[in-house]
Amino acid sequence: MAEVVTGPGALGTPGGEGGGGAPDDPTRLTAPQLTMAQRLKFGAMAFAIQRLLLGPLLLFHRLQDFFTPLSASNHPDIVKTYPARKSLPVRIYFPKSRPKNATTRLPVLLTVHGGGFVIGHPRDNDAWNAAFASRHDFLVVALNYAKAPGSPFPAPIYDLEALIGCVLSDPSLPIDASRVALAGWSAGGNLSLAVSQLEGVRRRVQAVVPLYPVVDFAVKDHVKTATRRYKKALGGFRANEGDYLMKLGGMFNWAYVSPGQDCHHPLLSPYYAEREALPRNVFLIGAELDMLGQEAWRMACKLAGKKVPDLTDAMGCDEVQVGKGELILDGDERFAFEETVEGGQYRWLLVPDTIHGFDQKIDAMVRDPVLMEDAGIKTEKLIDQIGEWLHKVLGPGAHS
């Protein structure tokens, strides 16, 4: 049975003293006890995905890593393990233009892959990480964590905490410790917000960038699906009337969250974390056609001191407002804003007309070349938006 964390401060030091969450309340939502039939169904689904489908693929990728030259495009420069988590290798990317004998220390972006806490691997973001490292002159380190249901909440948070400590203390890496940021996708966005609340991480990380994260387990899925947009005018996969995350959402929740767990705990649902519990700079990114977008929007408004939308308020707009590959960067706060609050920067960006995971390898799933062309252009623009923002909030650094 996994550890059930029932009080805001039960994991030690999230957000300093007191844990940074809402006060204990017996009426707060807790994760339900599922029926035996539901548990068997979700267990079988997780086993089939992890062992039968992804197991052989993981072995193939390990062999591919071994035989692929380090100079290959998008391949990490180093794949490294640390004694604290020997089974969880990290992938390290240097700027391609960096001379091998260079001694200048670099800002570092630590990234956390997605996959519903159940699937996924740091290599999933090889192309994104390599592009970001070279385009913005960062050292990028793709972190790893053990997967649920074998490793449910809060275990992956501890994995990341241990690896962050190892990476940032590694004398072989040219890290500028005064310029450290975290980013994560989906479940990885949740974990980046969670681990950054732990005192040992929060004092070393200056910024966090969650991309389409899950931040509120206390809101039911049917409420979430009602607040995303559905745009038939886009055609193809984006015209679907349901959200594709619903197919696996129940299994993901069962695998990661133990029955009886307080769903308002700020390390499980970072929406409930106080502003001072997080790094001083947060850039939340959502997708307009995503059931998880509204909770990220609410969190961005909360951090920025704006009116928090109601749970029934839909994101974005019904119309297709921009052309292929375009973002809405100003003039419409539904899509973008940035506020300075108590010396911190809090930014929101809603990527229009696209779905959860648009910047991932989802071609085979969506079978929609028009969607993927649009998503590819937006991904490139988003990499630039994130890089420019990080350079702004992290500053020139002590070692520049």
Protein backbone atom coordinates (compact mmCIF):
# COMPACT_ATOMS: atom_id res chain seq x y z
CA MET A 1 0.00 0.00 0.00
CA ALA A 2 1.41 3.38 -0.95
CA GLU A 3 1.88 6.12 1.59
CA VAL A 4 -1.26 8.23 1.93
CA VAL A 5 -0.41 11.85 2.62
CA THR A 6 -3.32 13.52 4.38
CA GLY A 7 -1.96 16.80 5.77
CA PRO A 8 -0.48 19.75 3.89
CA GLY A 9 2.88 19.41 5.64
CA ALA A 10 3.07 15.62 5.72
CA LEU A 11 5.88 15.36 3.17
CA GLY A 12 8.28 17.38 5.23
CA THR A 13 9.06 20.82 3.90
CA PRO A 14 6.91 21.86 0.93
CA GLY A 15 6.82 25.65 0.92
CA GLY A 16 8.64 25.92 4.21
CA GLU A 17 6.75 25.60 7.49
CA GLY A 18 3.16 24.44 7.28
CA GLY A 19 3.30 23.03 3.75
CA GLY A 20 1.67 25.92 1.90
CA GLY A 21 -1.68 24.23 1.34
CA ALA A 22 -5.25 24.86 2.37
CA PRO A 23 -6.05 23.94 6.00
CA ASP A 24 -7.13 20.43 6.92
CA ASP A 25 -10.85 19.92 6.33
CA PRO A 26 -12.67 16.58 6.69
CA THR A 27 -15.02 17.57 3.85
CA ARG A 28 -12.21 17.86 1.33
CA LEU A 29 -12.19 15.45 -1.57
CA THR A 30 -10.17 12.27 -1.13
CA ALA A 31 -9.30 9.70 -3.78
CA PRO A 32 -12.04 7.04 -3.90
CA GLN A 33 -11.75 3.34 -3.20
CA LEU A 34 -12.52 1.64 -6.52
CA THR A 35 -14.40 -1.60 -6.95
CA MET A 36 -12.47 -4.82 -7.46
CA ALA A 37 -13.60 -4.89 -11.09
CA GLN A 38 -12.27 -1.36 -11.66
CA ARG A 39 -8.96 -2.16 -9.99
CA LEU A 40 -8.53 -5.29 -12.09
CA LYS A 41 -9.37 -3.38 -15.26
CA PHE A 42 -6.92 -0.56 -14.59
CA GLY A 43 -4.22 -2.97 -13.38
CA ALA A 44 -4.55 -4.99 -16.57
CA MET A 45 -4.36 -1.81 -18.65
CA ALA A 46 -1.21 -0.62 -16.88
CA PHE A 47 0.44 -4.04 -17.19
CA ALA A 48 -0.40 -4.30 -20.88
CA ILE A 49 0.96 -0.85 -21.65
CA GLN A 50 4.10 -1.04 -19.52
CA ARG A 51 5.12 -4.66 -20.06
CA LEU A 52 3.62 -5.91 -23.30
CA LEU A 53 3.58 -2.74 -25.40
CA LEU A 54 6.38 -0.53 -24.06
CA GLY A 55 8.71 -3.19 -22.62
CA PRO A 56 10.11 -4.36 -25.96
CA LEU A 57 10.23 -0.75 -27.17
CA LEU A 58 12.27 0.25 -24.11
CA LEU A 59 14.76 -2.55 -24.81
CA PHE A 60 15.03 -1.41 -28.42
CA HIS A 61 15.73 2.16 -27.33
CA ARG A 62 18.41 1.02 -24.89
CA LEU A 63 20.19 -0.76 -27.69
CA GLN A 64 19.68 2.28 -29.90
CA ASP A 65 21.27 4.50 -27.24
CA PHE A 66 24.25 2.15 -27.04
CA PHE A 67 24.93 2.06 -30.77
CA THR A 68 23.97 5.63 -31.76
CA PRO A 69 26.95 8.00 -32.04
CA LEU A 70 26.85 10.82 -29.49
CA SER A 71 27.21 13.30 -32.35
CA ALA A 72 23.89 12.20 -33.88
CA SER A 73 21.20 14.86 -34.20
CA ASN A 74 18.93 15.12 -31.14
CA HIS A 75 20.93 12.52 -29.23
CA PRO A 76 22.06 13.50 -25.72
CA ASP A 77 25.74 14.16 -25.24
CA ILE A 78 25.77 12.13 -22.02
CA VAL A 79 23.52 9.43 -20.58
CA LYS A 80 24.44 9.21 -16.92
CA THR A 81 23.36 7.44 -13.72
CA TYR A 82 23.92 8.58 -10.15
CA PRO A 83 24.30 6.30 -7.09
CA ALA A 84 21.23 7.84 -5.43
CA ARG A 85 18.97 6.44 -8.21
CA LYS A 86 20.97 3.87 -10.18
CA SER A 87 17.96 2.66 -12.16
CA LEU A 88 17.00 6.14 -13.36
CA PRO A 89 19.50 7.46 -15.94
CA VAL A 90 19.37 11.11 -16.94
CA ARG A 91 20.08 12.50 -20.40
CA ILE A 92 22.29 15.58 -20.76
CA TYR A 93 22.38 17.93 -23.75
CA PHE A 94 25.00 20.59 -24.45
CA PRO A 95 24.65 23.41 -26.99
CA LYS A 96 25.91 21.98 -30.28
CA SER A 97 28.09 25.02 -30.91
CA ARG A 98 29.85 24.74 -27.55
CA PRO A 99 33.58 23.85 -27.91
CA LYS A 100 34.48 20.63 -26.10
CA ASN A 101 37.13 22.38 -24.01
CA ALA A 102 34.90 25.33 -23.04
CA THR A 103 34.89 26.21 -19.34
CA THR A 104 32.09 28.81 -19.27
CA ARG A 105 29.29 27.75 -16.96
CA LEU A 106 25.83 27.50 -18.44
CA PRO A 107 22.31 28.08 -17.16
CA VAL A 108 20.58 24.73 -16.71
CA LEU A 109 17.07 23.60 -17.59
CA LEU A 110 15.97 20.40 -15.85
CA THR A 111 13.10 18.75 -17.74
CA VAL A 112 10.56 16.17 -16.58
CA HIS A 113 8.80 14.00 -19.15
CA GLY A 114 5.08 13.24 -19.17
CA GLY A 115 3.05 10.06 -19.52
CA GLY A 116 0.33 10.12 -16.87
CA PHE A 117 2.83 9.08 -14.17
CA VAL A 118 2.63 5.58 -15.69
CA ILE A 119 4.45 5.64 -19.02
CA GLY A 120 7.03 7.80 -20.77
CA HIS A 121 10.79 8.16 -20.77
CA PRO A 122 13.27 11.08 -20.79
CA ARG A 123 14.11 10.25 -24.42
CA ASP A 124 10.58 11.27 -25.40
CA ASN A 125 11.77 14.87 -25.42
CA ASP A 126 15.19 14.37 -27.05
CA ALA A 127 14.39 16.63 -30.00
CA TRP A 128 12.90 19.39 -27.83
CA ASN A 129 15.73 19.25 -25.28
CA ALA A 130 18.47 19.23 -27.89
CA ALA A 131 16.87 22.12 -29.78
CA PHE A 132 16.43 24.17 -26.62
CA ALA A 133 20.03 23.58 -25.49
CA SER A 134 21.50 24.75 -28.78
CA ARG A 135 19.09 27.56 -29.52
CA HIS A 136 19.32 29.20 -26.10
CA ASP A 137 22.79 28.16 -24.92
CA PHE A 138 21.54 26.11 -21.97
CA LEU A 139 22.68 22.85 -20.46
CA VAL A 140 19.52 20.71 -20.52
CA VAL A 141 19.15 17.67 -18.27
CA ALA A 142 16.22 15.30 -18.82
CA LEU A 143 15.35 13.81 -15.44
CA ASN A 144 13.78 10.43 -14.73
CA TYR A 145 11.44 8.92 -12.17
CA ALA A 146 9.97 5.50 -11.34
CA LYS A 147 6.46 4.96 -12.68
CA ALA A 148 3.14 4.18 -11.07
CA PRO A 149 1.44 1.94 -10.10
CA GLY A 150 4.64 0.43 -8.71
CA SER A 151 5.79 3.88 -7.63
CA PRO A 152 2.74 6.05 -6.85
CA PHE A 153 2.50 9.46 -5.18
CA PRO A 154 4.66 10.74 -3.54
CA ALA A 155 7.57 8.48 -4.61
CA PRO A 156 8.33 10.11 -8.01
CA ILE A 157 8.73 13.47 -6.26
CA TYR A 158 11.46 11.98 -4.08
CA ASP A 159 13.14 10.50 -7.17
CA LEU A 160 13.30 13.91 -8.78
CA GLU A 161 14.47 15.59 -5.59
CA ALA A 162 17.37 13.12 -5.34
CA LEU A 163 18.37 13.47 -9.00
CA ILE A 164 18.18 17.27 -8.93
CA GLY A 165 20.52 17.27 -5.98
CA CYS A 166 22.93 14.95 -7.79
CA VAL A 167 22.90 16.95 -11.03
CA LEU A 168 23.35 20.34 -9.40
CA SER A 169 26.20 19.01 -7.24
CA ASP A 170 27.97 17.24 -10.11
CA PRO A 171 31.43 18.86 -10.50
CA SER A 172 31.80 17.45 -14.00
CA LEU A 173 28.94 19.57 -15.37
CA PRO A 174 29.45 23.27 -16.24
CA ILE A 175 26.39 24.47 -14.31
CA ASP A 176 25.81 28.05 -13.27
CA ALA A 177 24.02 27.36 -9.99
CA SER A 178 22.59 30.89 -9.96
CA ARG A 179 20.54 30.13 -13.11
CA VAL A 180 18.53 26.94 -12.67
CA ALA A 181 15.05 26.26 -14.07
CA LEU A 182 12.64 23.32 -14.17
CA ALA A 183 10.20 22.42 -16.95
CA GLY A 184 7.84 19.50 -17.43
CA TRP A 185 5.09 18.20 -19.68
CA SER A 186 1.67 17.01 -18.49
CA ALA A 187 2.37 14.69 -15.51
CA GLY A 188 5.93 16.04 -15.67
CA GLY A 189 4.50 19.54 -15.32
CA ASN A 190 2.74 18.42 -12.16
CA LEU A 191 5.95 16.88 -10.83
CA SER A 192 8.03 19.96 -11.67
CA LEU A 193 5.63 22.09 -9.60
CA ALA A 194 5.55 19.50 -6.82
CA VAL A 195 9.28 18.92 -6.40
CA SER A 196 10.00 22.65 -6.60
CA GLN A 197 7.98 23.09 -3.39
CA LEU A 198 10.47 20.99 -1.41
CA GLU A 199 12.80 23.31 0.42
CA GLY A 200 16.01 21.67 -0.81
CA VAL A 201 14.90 22.16 -4.41
CA ARG A 202 13.06 25.48 -4.08
CA ARG A 203 16.13 27.30 -2.78
CA ARG A 204 18.14 26.12 -5.81
CA VAL A 205 15.58 26.61 -8.61
CA GLN A 206 14.72 30.11 -9.78
CA ALA A 207 11.97 29.34 -12.32
CA VAL A 208 9.56 26.60 -13.35
CA VAL A 209 7.79 26.11 -16.70
CA PRO A 210 4.94 23.56 -16.61
CA LEU A 211 3.51 22.70 -20.04
CA TYR A 212 -0.16 21.62 -20.06
CA PRO A 213 0.19 20.21 -16.51
CA VAL A 214 -2.37 18.47 -14.31
CA VAL A 215 -2.53 20.67 -11.22
CA ASP A 216 -5.87 19.83 -9.57
CA PHE A 217 -6.91 16.27 -8.76
CA ALA A 218 -9.82 17.60 -6.68
CA VAL A 219 -11.83 18.49 -9.81
CA LYS A 220 -13.68 15.63 -11.49
CA ASP A 221 -12.82 14.74 -15.07
CA HIS A 222 -16.32 15.44 -16.39
CA VAL A 223 -16.01 19.02 -15.09
CA LYS A 224 -12.66 19.41 -16.83
CA THR A 225 -13.90 18.17 -20.19
CA ALA A 226 -16.72 20.73 -20.09
CA THR A 227 -14.32 23.70 -19.98
CA ARG A 228 -12.08 22.96 -22.94
CA ARG A 229 -13.03 24.13 -26.44
CA TYR A 230 -14.33 21.86 -29.18
CA LYS A 231 -13.80 23.28 -32.68
CA LYS A 232 -15.35 21.33 -35.53
CA ALA A 233 -14.21 24.01 -37.95
CA LEU A 234 -10.62 22.78 -37.56
CA GLY A 235 -11.48 19.36 -38.96
CA GLY A 236 -9.50 16.18 -38.46
CA PHE A 237 -8.52 15.02 -34.98
CA ARG A 238 -9.21 18.46 -33.50
CA ALA A 239 -12.87 18.23 -34.49
CA ASN A 240 -13.51 15.29 -32.16
CA GLU A 241 -16.27 15.87 -29.62
CA GLY A 242 -14.47 14.17 -26.73
CA ASP A 243 -11.08 14.57 -25.09
CA TYR A 244 -8.71 11.71 -25.85
CA LEU A 245 -7.20 11.84 -22.35
CA MET A 246 -10.45 10.39 -20.99
CA LYS A 247 -9.54 7.00 -22.47
CA LEU A 248 -6.65 6.55 -20.05
CA GLY A 249 -7.35 9.19 -17.40
CA GLY A 250 -9.07 6.81 -14.99
CA MET A 251 -6.18 4.36 -15.11
CA PHE A 252 -3.59 7.11 -14.66
CA ASN A 253 -5.43 8.47 -11.61
CA TRP A 254 -5.83 4.99 -10.08
CA ALA A 255 -2.14 4.21 -10.60
CA TYR A 256 -0.76 7.41 -9.09
CA VAL A 257 -3.21 8.38 -6.34
CA SER A 258 -3.92 5.93 -3.49
CA PRO A 259 -7.46 5.59 -2.05
CA GLY A 260 -8.02 8.01 0.80
CA GLN A 261 -5.40 10.47 -0.42
CA ASP A 262 -6.29 14.13 0.16
CA CYS A 263 -6.66 15.49 -3.37
CA HIS A 264 -6.06 19.04 -2.15
CA HIS A 265 -2.55 18.32 -0.92
CA PRO A 266 -0.29 20.88 -2.66
CA LEU A 267 2.30 18.28 -3.69
CA LEU A 268 -0.38 16.23 -5.44
CA SER A 269 -2.44 19.19 -6.68
CA PRO A 270 -0.05 22.17 -6.98
CA TYR A 271 -3.00 24.50 -7.58
CA TYR A 272 -3.40 24.56 -3.79
CA ALA A 273 0.20 25.60 -3.12
CA GLU A 274 0.72 29.11 -1.82
CA ARG A 275 2.72 31.48 -4.01
CA GLU A 276 5.66 31.54 -1.57
CA ALA A 277 5.88 27.74 -1.67
CA LEU A 278 6.96 27.86 -5.33
CA PRO A 279 9.91 29.38 -7.17
CA ARG A 280 9.50 33.13 -7.69
CA ASN A 281 9.06 32.79 -11.47
CA VAL A 282 6.39 30.55 -13.01
CA PHE A 283 5.40 30.31 -16.69
CA LEU A 284 2.29 28.13 -17.10
CA ILE A 285 1.43 26.94 -20.62
CA GLY A 286 -1.87 25.39 -21.64
CA ALA A 287 -3.47 24.00 -24.79
CA GLU A 288 -6.90 25.29 -25.79
CA LEU A 289 -8.27 21.87 -26.82
CA ASP A 290 -7.22 20.12 -23.60
CA MET A 291 -9.28 19.08 -20.59
CA LEU A 292 -6.32 20.03 -18.34
CA GLY A 293 -6.04 23.56 -19.68
CA GLN A 294 -8.57 25.25 -17.42
CA GLU A 295 -6.88 24.22 -14.18
CA ALA A 296 -3.54 25.58 -15.42
CA TRP A 297 -5.31 28.82 -16.36
CA ARG A 298 -6.84 29.07 -12.88
CA MET A 299 -3.44 28.48 -11.28
CA ALA A 300 -1.79 31.13 -13.45
CA CYS A 301 -4.49 33.65 -12.49
CA LYS A 302 -4.14 32.76 -8.81
CA LEU A 303 -0.36 33.23 -8.85
CA ALA A 304 -0.62 36.48 -10.82
CA GLY A 305 -3.16 37.97 -8.40
CA LYS A 306 -5.95 38.01 -11.00
CA LYS A 307 -9.57 36.94 -10.60
CA VAL A 308 -9.58 33.14 -10.66
CA PRO A 309 -12.03 31.74 -13.24
CA ASP A 310 -14.94 29.65 -12.01
CA LEU A 311 -14.77 25.91 -12.55
CA THR A 312 -17.41 26.29 -15.27
CA ASP A 313 -15.62 29.03 -17.22
CA ALA A 314 -14.41 27.78 -20.60
CA MET A 315 -10.94 28.65 -21.85
CA GLY A 316 -10.09 30.54 -25.00
CA CYS A 317 -12.88 31.10 -27.50
CA ASP A 318 -15.18 29.18 -29.83
CA GLU A 319 -13.83 30.71 -33.03
CA VAL A 320 -10.62 29.87 -34.86
CA GLN A 321 -8.84 33.17 -34.30
CA VAL A 322 -5.40 32.71 -35.83
CA GLY A 323 -3.76 31.12 -38.83
CA LYS A 324 -1.60 28.04 -39.04
CA GLY A 325 1.17 27.98 -36.49
CA GLU A 326 0.25 31.30 -34.88
CA LEU A 327 0.28 32.17 -31.17
CA ILE A 328 -1.64 34.97 -29.43
CA LEU A 329 0.98 36.79 -27.39
CA ASP A 330 -0.73 40.06 -26.43
CA GLY A 331 -4.02 41.89 -26.42
CA ASP A 332 -6.16 39.03 -25.11
CA GLU A 333 -5.58 37.93 -21.52
CA ARG A 334 -7.50 34.71 -22.10
CA PHE A 335 -4.47 33.64 -24.11
CA ALA A 336 -1.54 35.51 -22.59
CA PHE A 337 -0.55 37.69 -19.68
CA GLU A 338 2.39 38.32 -17.38
CA GLU A 339 2.38 40.00 -13.99
CA THR A 340 5.05 40.98 -11.50
CA VAL A 341 3.98 40.07 -7.98
CA GLU A 342 6.24 40.58 -4.96
CA GLY A 343 9.30 40.52 -7.20
CA GLY A 344 8.31 37.35 -9.06
CA GLN A 345 7.19 36.92 -12.67
CA TYR A 346 4.01 34.93 -13.37
CA ARG A 347 3.16 34.29 -17.00
CA TRP A 348 0.31 32.50 -18.78
CA LEU A 349 0.23 31.37 -22.40
CA LEU A 350 -2.63 29.41 -23.93
CA VAL A 351 -1.65 27.78 -27.23
CA PRO A 352 -4.69 28.20 -29.51
CA ASP A 353 -6.41 25.52 -31.58
CA THR A 354 -4.30 22.59 -30.43
CA ILE A 355 -4.44 19.56 -28.18
CA HIS A 356 -2.70 18.10 -25.15
CA GLY A 357 0.72 16.78 -26.15
CA PHE A 358 0.86 18.74 -29.40
CA ASP A 359 4.66 19.03 -29.12
CA GLN A 360 5.17 15.29 -28.60
CA LYS A 361 5.48 12.35 -31.01
CA ILE A 362 1.76 11.82 -31.50
CA ASP A 363 1.68 11.46 -35.30
CA ALA A 364 0.67 7.80 -35.24
CA MET A 365 -2.10 8.43 -32.74
CA VAL A 366 -3.76 11.46 -34.36
CA ARG A 367 -3.10 10.59 -38.03
CA ASP A 368 -3.68 14.22 -38.90
CA PRO A 369 -0.88 15.90 -40.92
CA VAL A 370 -2.63 19.28 -40.80
CA LEU A 371 -2.67 19.20 -37.00
CA MET A 372 0.94 18.08 -36.83
CA GLU A 373 2.13 20.79 -39.23
CA ASP A 374 0.40 23.44 -37.11
CA ALA A 375 1.77 21.86 -33.92
CA GLY A 376 5.31 21.75 -35.26
CA ILE A 377 5.37 25.47 -36.02
CA LYS A 378 3.88 26.31 -32.63
CA THR A 379 6.40 24.07 -30.87
CA GLU A 380 9.30 25.96 -32.44
CA LYS A 381 7.79 29.29 -31.45
CA LEU A 382 7.13 28.03 -27.94
CA ILE A 383 10.74 26.93 -27.51
CA ASP A 384 11.76 30.50 -28.32
CA GLN A 385 9.17 32.02 -25.98
CA ILE A 386 10.37 29.84 -23.09
CA GLY A 387 14.05 30.48 -23.80
CA GLU A 388 13.63 34.25 -24.02
CA TRP A 389 11.58 34.31 -20.81
CA LEU A 390 14.09 32.19 -18.91
CA HIS A 391 16.99 34.40 -19.97
CA LYS A 392 15.00 37.39 -18.74
CA VAL A 393 14.04 36.02 -15.32
CA LEU A 394 17.28 34.15 -14.63
CA GLY A 395 19.44 37.12 -15.56
CA PRO A 396 23.07 37.09 -16.73
CA GLY A 397 24.22 34.93 -13.83
CA ALA A 398 27.22 34.97 -11.56
CA HIS A 399 29.48 33.20 -14.05
CA SER A 400 28.71 35.02 -17.31
